Amino acid sequence: MVYFFPVCFCCLSPWQKDAPTDVCWEHFPLKDIANVKTPTLILVGGNDEWVPPQQSIDLYRALKSDGVPNRLCVATRTGHGWQELRHRLFQMNIEMEWF
């Protein structure tokens, strides 16, 4: 699994020697996933540079393994925010279907 860790205030990654792992753990995306019970719709761009798609895949898998209803939709060739018309239409249809 690959996770995006926000840069800690001391500019260390969690893998560096003497990294503040407690701070990194507090910002770990899936730290409290066992508490999630809300059905979740996950929309991600396949080329998203702000939120790596692997995070969405890991979220989907974690929710699924906990029995939480969820759906993952990946728009290929798009980044953060779906810009192509067909992706936007797909997104609207998925959201209407979900809710």
N, C-alpha and C. Protein backbone atom coordinates (compact mmCIF):
# COMPACT_ATOMS: atom_id res chain seq x y z
N MET A 1 0.84 -1.18 0.00
CA MET A 1 0.00 0.00 0.00
C MET A 1 0.88 1.24 0.00
N VAL A 2 0.43 2.24 -0.71
CA VAL A 2 1.15 3.50 -0.78
C VAL A 2 0.26 4.58 -0.19
N TYR A 3 0.79 5.39 0.69
CA TYR A 3 0.01 6.45 1.31
C TYR A 3 0.72 7.78 1.15
N PHE A 4 -0.04 8.81 1.04
CA PHE A 4 0.51 10.16 1.00
C PHE A 4 0.54 10.68 2.41
N PHE A 5 1.70 11.03 2.88
CA PHE A 5 1.83 11.63 4.19
C PHE A 5 2.07 13.11 4.01
N PRO A 6 1.28 13.94 4.66
CA PRO A 6 1.57 15.37 4.55
C PRO A 6 2.95 15.65 5.13
N VAL A 7 3.60 16.62 4.59
CA VAL A 7 4.93 16.96 5.10
C VAL A 7 4.78 17.41 6.54
N CYS A 8 5.53 16.79 7.41
CA CYS A 8 5.47 17.16 8.82
C CYS A 8 6.11 18.53 9.00
N PHE A 9 5.77 19.17 10.09
CA PHE A 9 6.28 20.52 10.34
C PHE A 9 7.79 20.58 10.34
N CYS A 10 8.44 19.45 10.53
CA CYS A 10 9.90 19.45 10.56
C CYS A 10 10.49 19.01 9.22
N CYS A 11 9.65 18.86 8.20
CA CYS A 11 10.07 18.54 6.84
C CYS A 11 10.72 17.17 6.71
N LEU A 12 10.36 16.23 7.54
CA LEU A 12 10.87 14.87 7.43
C LEU A 12 9.77 13.96 6.90
N SER A 13 10.16 12.95 6.18
CA SER A 13 9.18 11.93 5.79
C SER A 13 9.15 10.90 6.91
N PRO A 14 8.09 10.10 6.99
CA PRO A 14 8.01 9.11 8.08
C PRO A 14 9.06 8.01 7.98
N TRP A 15 9.76 7.93 6.85
CA TRP A 15 10.75 6.87 6.68
C TRP A 15 12.16 7.33 7.01
N GLN A 16 12.35 8.60 7.29
CA GLN A 16 13.68 9.08 7.63
C GLN A 16 14.01 8.74 9.08
N LYS A 17 15.29 8.61 9.34
CA LYS A 17 15.74 8.35 10.70
C LYS A 17 15.30 9.51 11.60
N ASP A 18 14.81 9.18 12.76
CA ASP A 18 14.34 10.16 13.74
C ASP A 18 13.12 10.96 13.27
N ALA A 19 12.37 10.40 12.34
CA ALA A 19 11.16 11.07 11.87
C ALA A 19 10.12 11.09 13.00
N PRO A 20 9.31 12.12 13.04
CA PRO A 20 8.27 12.21 14.09
C PRO A 20 7.09 11.30 13.73
N THR A 21 7.26 10.00 13.92
CA THR A 21 6.25 9.05 13.49
C THR A 21 4.91 9.26 14.19
N ASP A 22 4.92 9.80 15.40
CA ASP A 22 3.65 10.06 16.08
C ASP A 22 2.85 11.12 15.33
N VAL A 23 3.51 12.14 14.82
CA VAL A 23 2.83 13.18 14.04
C VAL A 23 2.33 12.60 12.73
N CYS A 24 3.17 11.81 12.08
CA CYS A 24 2.77 11.20 10.82
C CYS A 24 1.59 10.25 11.02
N TRP A 25 1.60 9.48 12.11
CA TRP A 25 0.50 8.57 12.38
C TRP A 25 -0.81 9.32 12.58
N GLU A 26 -0.76 10.47 13.23
CA GLU A 26 -1.97 11.26 13.45
C GLU A 26 -2.59 11.72 12.13
N HIS A 27 -1.78 11.84 11.08
CA HIS A 27 -2.28 12.27 9.78
C HIS A 27 -2.43 11.11 8.79
N PHE A 28 -2.26 9.89 9.27
CA PHE A 28 -2.34 8.71 8.42
C PHE A 28 -3.77 8.56 7.90
N PRO A 29 -3.96 8.50 6.58
CA PRO A 29 -5.30 8.50 6.01
C PRO A 29 -6.23 7.39 6.51
N LEU A 30 -5.70 6.22 6.80
CA LEU A 30 -6.57 5.11 7.19
C LEU A 30 -6.50 4.77 8.68
N LYS A 31 -5.98 5.68 9.46
CA LYS A 31 -5.78 5.42 10.89
C LYS A 31 -7.08 5.02 11.60
N ASP A 32 -8.17 5.68 11.31
CA ASP A 32 -9.43 5.43 12.00
C ASP A 32 -10.47 4.73 11.12
N ILE A 33 -10.02 4.01 10.12
CA ILE A 33 -10.94 3.41 9.14
C ILE A 33 -11.92 2.43 9.79
N ALA A 34 -11.54 1.79 10.87
CA ALA A 34 -12.43 0.83 11.53
C ALA A 34 -13.68 1.50 12.09
N ASN A 35 -13.63 2.82 12.30
CA ASN A 35 -14.78 3.55 12.84
C ASN A 35 -15.76 3.98 11.76
N VAL A 36 -15.38 3.83 10.50
CA VAL A 36 -16.24 4.30 9.40
C VAL A 36 -17.33 3.28 9.14
N LYS A 37 -18.56 3.74 9.15
CA LYS A 37 -19.72 2.89 8.86
C LYS A 37 -20.59 3.47 7.75
N THR A 38 -20.31 4.70 7.35
CA THR A 38 -21.10 5.40 6.35
C THR A 38 -20.81 4.88 4.95
N PRO A 39 -21.83 4.52 4.18
CA PRO A 39 -21.60 4.15 2.78
C PRO A 39 -20.84 5.28 2.08
N THR A 40 -19.86 4.91 1.28
CA THR A 40 -18.93 5.89 0.73
C THR A 40 -18.77 5.74 -0.78
N LEU A 41 -18.95 6.85 -1.48
CA LEU A 41 -18.69 6.92 -2.92
C LEU A 41 -17.33 7.58 -3.10
N ILE A 42 -16.44 6.89 -3.80
CA ILE A 42 -15.08 7.38 -3.98
C ILE A 42 -14.87 7.69 -5.46
N LEU A 43 -14.58 8.94 -5.78
CA LEU A 43 -14.33 9.37 -7.15
C LEU A 43 -12.89 9.87 -7.23
N VAL A 44 -12.12 9.36 -8.18
CA VAL A 44 -10.72 9.75 -8.27
C VAL A 44 -10.28 9.81 -9.73
N GLY A 45 -9.40 10.74 -10.01
CA GLY A 45 -8.79 10.82 -11.34
C GLY A 45 -7.59 9.89 -11.40
N GLY A 46 -7.47 9.16 -12.48
CA GLY A 46 -6.37 8.22 -12.63
C GLY A 46 -5.00 8.87 -12.64
N ASN A 47 -4.94 10.16 -13.00
CA ASN A 47 -3.67 10.89 -13.03
C ASN A 47 -3.63 11.99 -11.97
N ASP A 48 -4.38 11.81 -10.91
CA ASP A 48 -4.44 12.82 -9.85
C ASP A 48 -3.08 12.94 -9.17
N GLU A 49 -2.53 14.14 -9.15
CA GLU A 49 -1.25 14.37 -8.49
C GLU A 49 -1.43 14.93 -7.08
N TRP A 50 -2.63 15.36 -6.73
CA TRP A 50 -2.88 15.90 -5.39
C TRP A 50 -3.22 14.79 -4.42
N VAL A 51 -4.06 13.88 -4.88
CA VAL A 51 -4.44 12.72 -4.07
C VAL A 51 -4.10 11.48 -4.90
N PRO A 52 -3.02 10.81 -4.58
CA PRO A 52 -2.62 9.65 -5.38
C PRO A 52 -3.76 8.63 -5.47
N PRO A 53 -4.06 8.15 -6.68
CA PRO A 53 -5.15 7.18 -6.85
C PRO A 53 -5.02 5.95 -5.94
N GLN A 54 -3.81 5.57 -5.62
CA GLN A 54 -3.62 4.40 -4.75
C GLN A 54 -4.29 4.60 -3.40
N GLN A 55 -4.34 5.84 -2.92
CA GLN A 55 -5.03 6.11 -1.65
C GLN A 55 -6.51 5.75 -1.76
N SER A 56 -7.11 6.10 -2.88
CA SER A 56 -8.53 5.79 -3.07
C SER A 56 -8.76 4.29 -3.17
N ILE A 57 -7.85 3.61 -3.84
CA ILE A 57 -7.94 2.15 -3.95
C ILE A 57 -7.81 1.51 -2.58
N ASP A 58 -6.86 1.99 -1.79
CA ASP A 58 -6.68 1.46 -0.44
C ASP A 58 -7.89 1.75 0.44
N LEU A 59 -8.47 2.94 0.30
CA LEU A 59 -9.68 3.28 1.04
C LEU A 59 -10.82 2.34 0.66
N TYR A 60 -10.99 2.12 -0.63
CA TYR A 60 -12.03 1.20 -1.12
C TYR A 60 -11.84 -0.19 -0.52
N ARG A 61 -10.62 -0.69 -0.57
CA ARG A 61 -10.34 -2.04 -0.06
C ARG A 61 -10.57 -2.13 1.45
N ALA A 62 -10.15 -1.09 2.17
CA ALA A 62 -10.33 -1.10 3.63
C ALA A 62 -11.81 -1.08 4.00
N LEU A 63 -12.58 -0.23 3.33
CA LEU A 63 -14.01 -0.17 3.60
C LEU A 63 -14.69 -1.50 3.25
N LYS A 64 -14.30 -2.04 2.11
CA LYS A 64 -14.88 -3.31 1.67
C LYS A 64 -14.58 -4.42 2.67
N SER A 65 -13.34 -4.46 3.15
CA SER A 65 -12.97 -5.52 4.10
C SER A 65 -13.71 -5.38 5.42
N ASP A 66 -14.14 -4.15 5.75
CA ASP A 66 -14.93 -3.93 6.97
C ASP A 66 -16.43 -4.05 6.73
N GLY A 67 -16.82 -4.38 5.49
CA GLY A 67 -18.23 -4.56 5.18
C GLY A 67 -19.00 -3.26 4.98
N VAL A 68 -18.30 -2.16 4.76
CA VAL A 68 -18.95 -0.87 4.54
C VAL A 68 -19.29 -0.74 3.06
N PRO A 69 -20.55 -0.48 2.73
CA PRO A 69 -20.90 -0.31 1.32
C PRO A 69 -20.13 0.86 0.72
N ASN A 70 -19.51 0.62 -0.42
CA ASN A 70 -18.77 1.69 -1.08
C ASN A 70 -18.60 1.37 -2.55
N ARG A 71 -18.25 2.40 -3.30
CA ARG A 71 -18.02 2.24 -4.73
C ARG A 71 -16.85 3.13 -5.12
N LEU A 72 -15.97 2.59 -5.94
CA LEU A 72 -14.80 3.33 -6.42
C LEU A 72 -14.94 3.55 -7.91
N CYS A 73 -14.83 4.81 -8.33
CA CYS A 73 -14.87 5.17 -9.75
C CYS A 73 -13.60 5.93 -10.08
N VAL A 74 -12.85 5.42 -11.06
CA VAL A 74 -11.60 6.05 -11.48
C VAL A 74 -11.77 6.57 -12.90
N ALA A 75 -11.53 7.86 -13.09
CA ALA A 75 -11.57 8.46 -14.42
C ALA A 75 -10.16 8.47 -14.98
N THR A 76 -9.95 7.65 -16.00
CA THR A 76 -8.61 7.58 -16.59
C THR A 76 -8.27 8.89 -17.29
N ARG A 77 -7.00 9.15 -17.42
CA ARG A 77 -6.47 10.31 -18.14
C ARG A 77 -6.84 11.66 -17.52
N THR A 78 -7.35 11.68 -16.33
CA THR A 78 -7.71 12.96 -15.74
C THR A 78 -7.05 13.10 -14.37
N GLY A 79 -6.84 14.33 -13.98
CA GLY A 79 -6.20 14.60 -12.70
C GLY A 79 -7.22 14.89 -11.62
N HIS A 80 -6.88 15.82 -10.75
CA HIS A 80 -7.74 16.19 -9.63
C HIS A 80 -8.90 17.03 -10.16
N GLY A 81 -10.08 16.52 -10.08
CA GLY A 81 -11.24 17.19 -10.66
C GLY A 81 -11.44 16.67 -12.08
N TRP A 82 -12.57 16.13 -12.33
CA TRP A 82 -12.83 15.52 -13.63
C TRP A 82 -13.21 16.60 -14.62
N GLN A 83 -12.41 16.78 -15.67
CA GLN A 83 -12.60 17.87 -16.61
C GLN A 83 -13.28 17.46 -17.91
N GLU A 84 -13.00 16.25 -18.40
CA GLU A 84 -13.59 15.83 -19.66
C GLU A 84 -15.10 15.73 -19.52
N LEU A 85 -15.81 16.15 -20.57
CA LEU A 85 -17.27 16.14 -20.53
C LEU A 85 -17.82 14.76 -20.20
N ARG A 86 -17.29 13.74 -20.83
CA ARG A 86 -17.83 12.40 -20.56
C ARG A 86 -17.59 11.97 -19.12
N HIS A 87 -16.46 12.39 -18.55
CA HIS A 87 -16.21 12.07 -17.14
C HIS A 87 -17.17 12.83 -16.24
N ARG A 88 -17.43 14.10 -16.57
CA ARG A 88 -18.36 14.90 -15.77
C ARG A 88 -19.77 14.31 -15.82
N LEU A 89 -20.20 13.89 -17.01
CA LEU A 89 -21.52 13.28 -17.15
C LEU A 89 -21.59 11.96 -16.37
N PHE A 90 -20.54 11.17 -16.48
CA PHE A 90 -20.47 9.92 -15.73
C PHE A 90 -20.55 10.20 -14.23
N GLN A 91 -19.81 11.21 -13.79
CA GLN A 91 -19.81 11.58 -12.37
C GLN A 91 -21.21 11.98 -11.91
N MET A 92 -21.89 12.79 -12.70
CA MET A 92 -23.24 13.21 -12.32
C MET A 92 -24.19 12.02 -12.23
N ASN A 93 -24.10 11.12 -13.19
CA ASN A 93 -24.96 9.93 -13.17
C ASN A 93 -24.66 9.04 -11.98
N ILE A 94 -23.38 8.85 -11.68
CA ILE A 94 -23.00 8.02 -10.53
C ILE A 94 -23.50 8.65 -9.23
N GLU A 95 -23.34 9.96 -9.11
CA GLU A 95 -23.79 10.63 -7.89
C GLU A 95 -25.31 10.55 -7.73
N MET A 96 -26.04 10.74 -8.82
CA MET A 96 -27.51 10.63 -8.73
C MET A 96 -27.92 9.21 -8.37
N GLU A 97 -27.25 8.23 -8.95
CA GLU A 97 -27.55 6.83 -8.64
C GLU A 97 -27.22 6.51 -7.19
N TRP A 98 -26.09 7.04 -6.71
CA TRP A 98 -25.64 6.74 -5.35
C TRP A 98 -26.59 7.31 -4.30
N PHE A 99 -27.03 8.56 -4.54
CA PHE A 99 -27.88 9.21 -3.56
C PHE A 99 -29.34 8.99 -3.86
